[in-house]
Amino acid sequence: MPAKAKTLLIWIVVIFLIFAIVNDPDRAGNIVTSIWDFITNTISSFGQFFSTISS
């Protein structure tokens, strides 16, 4: 992907995220919380998996 196209795409995503946060901050907060919960649950599951393998 050309550098200018990549930079433009990043700016479009950033502007959209700012618009979404300003337009509906409660929903944006819920999305961030859901993503964080998914990440922490995934890491926890990997930890449990590897602890059962090493036992």
C-alpha atoms as a PDB file:
ATOM      1  CA  MET A   1       0.000   0.000   0.000  1.00  0.00           C
ATOM      2  CA  PRO A   2       1.457   3.397  -0.895  1.00  0.00           C
ATOM      3  CA  ALA A   3       2.536   5.544   2.047  1.00  0.00           C
ATOM      4  CA  LYS A   4       0.118   8.377   1.240  1.00  0.00           C
ATOM      5  CA  ALA A   5      -2.844   6.005   1.032  1.00  0.00           C
ATOM      6  CA  LYS A   6      -1.901   4.422   4.357  1.00  0.00           C
ATOM      7  CA  THR A   7      -1.598   7.834   6.009  1.00  0.00           C
ATOM      8  CA  LEU A   8      -4.954   8.894   4.582  1.00  0.00           C
ATOM      9  CA  LEU A   9      -6.609   5.699   5.804  1.00  0.00           C
ATOM     10  CA  ILE A  10      -5.192   6.199   9.312  1.00  0.00           C
ATOM     11  CA  TRP A  11      -6.493   9.781   9.404  1.00  0.00           C
ATOM     12  CA  ILE A  12      -9.943   8.662   8.254  1.00  0.00           C
ATOM     13  CA  VAL A  13     -10.068   6.038  11.025  1.00  0.00           C
ATOM     14  CA  VAL A  14      -8.912   8.558  13.655  1.00  0.00           C
ATOM     15  CA  ILE A  15     -11.487  11.130  12.543  1.00  0.00           C
ATOM     16  CA  PHE A  16     -14.229   8.492  12.587  1.00  0.00           C
ATOM     17  CA  LEU A  17     -13.247   7.388  16.110  1.00  0.00           C
ATOM     18  CA  ILE A  18     -13.287  10.969  17.371  1.00  0.00           C
ATOM     19  CA  PHE A  19     -16.688  11.511  15.746  1.00  0.00           C
ATOM     20  CA  ALA A  20     -18.053   8.322  17.316  1.00  0.00           C
ATOM     21  CA  ILE A  21     -16.793   9.288  20.775  1.00  0.00           C
ATOM     22  CA  VAL A  22     -18.178  12.828  20.575  1.00  0.00           C
ATOM     23  CA  ASN A  23     -21.466  11.701  19.051  1.00  0.00           C
ATOM     24  CA  ASP A  24     -22.233   8.936  21.581  1.00  0.00           C
ATOM     25  CA  PRO A  25     -19.711   8.701  24.443  1.00  0.00           C
ATOM     26  CA  ASP A  26     -21.710   6.094  26.399  1.00  0.00           C
ATOM     27  CA  ARG A  27     -21.729   3.647  23.513  1.00  0.00           C
ATOM     28  CA  ALA A  28     -18.045   4.311  22.820  1.00  0.00           C
ATOM     29  CA  GLY A  29     -17.297   3.571  26.480  1.00  0.00           C
ATOM     30  CA  ASN A  30     -19.261   0.333  26.286  1.00  0.00           C
ATOM     31  CA  ILE A  31     -17.340  -0.724  23.186  1.00  0.00           C
ATOM     32  CA  VAL A  32     -13.985  -0.008  24.852  1.00  0.00           C
ATOM     33  CA  THR A  33     -15.078  -1.941  27.940  1.00  0.00           C
ATOM     34  CA  SER A  34     -16.182  -4.893  25.805  1.00  0.00           C
ATOM     35  CA  ILE A  35     -12.890  -4.921  23.909  1.00  0.00           C
ATOM     36  CA  TRP A  36     -10.923  -4.748  27.178  1.00  0.00           C
ATOM     37  CA  ASP A  37     -12.947  -7.620  28.661  1.00  0.00           C
ATOM     38  CA  PHE A  38     -12.334  -9.698  25.530  1.00  0.00           C
ATOM     39  CA  ILE A  39      -8.582  -9.077  25.693  1.00  0.00           C
ATOM     40  CA  THR A  40      -8.312  -9.889  29.406  1.00  0.00           C
ATOM     41  CA  ASN A  41     -10.446 -13.031  29.058  1.00  0.00           C
ATOM     42  CA  THR A  42      -8.345 -14.194  26.103  1.00  0.00           C
ATOM     43  CA  ILE A  43      -5.092 -13.708  28.026  1.00  0.00           C
ATOM     44  CA  SER A  44      -6.554 -15.467  31.046  1.00  0.00           C
ATOM     45  CA  SER A  45      -7.676 -18.398  28.900  1.00  0.00           C
ATOM     46  CA  PHE A  46      -4.216 -18.736  27.358  1.00  0.00           C
ATOM     47  CA  GLY A  47      -2.721 -18.703  30.849  1.00  0.00           C
ATOM     48  CA  GLN A  48      -5.057 -21.448  32.025  1.00  0.00           C
ATOM     49  CA  PHE A  49      -4.330 -23.492  28.904  1.00  0.00           C
ATOM     50  CA  PHE A  50      -0.580 -23.313  29.315  1.00  0.00           C
ATOM     51  CA  SER A  51      -0.776 -23.995  33.049  1.00  0.00           C
ATOM     52  CA  THR A  52      -2.732 -27.214  32.365  1.00  0.00           C
ATOM     53  CA  ILE A  53      -0.176 -28.272  29.739  1.00  0.00           C
ATOM     54  CA  SER A  54       2.773 -27.789  32.085  1.00  0.00           C
ATOM     55  CA  SER A  55       1.102 -29.693  34.923  1.00  0.00           C
END
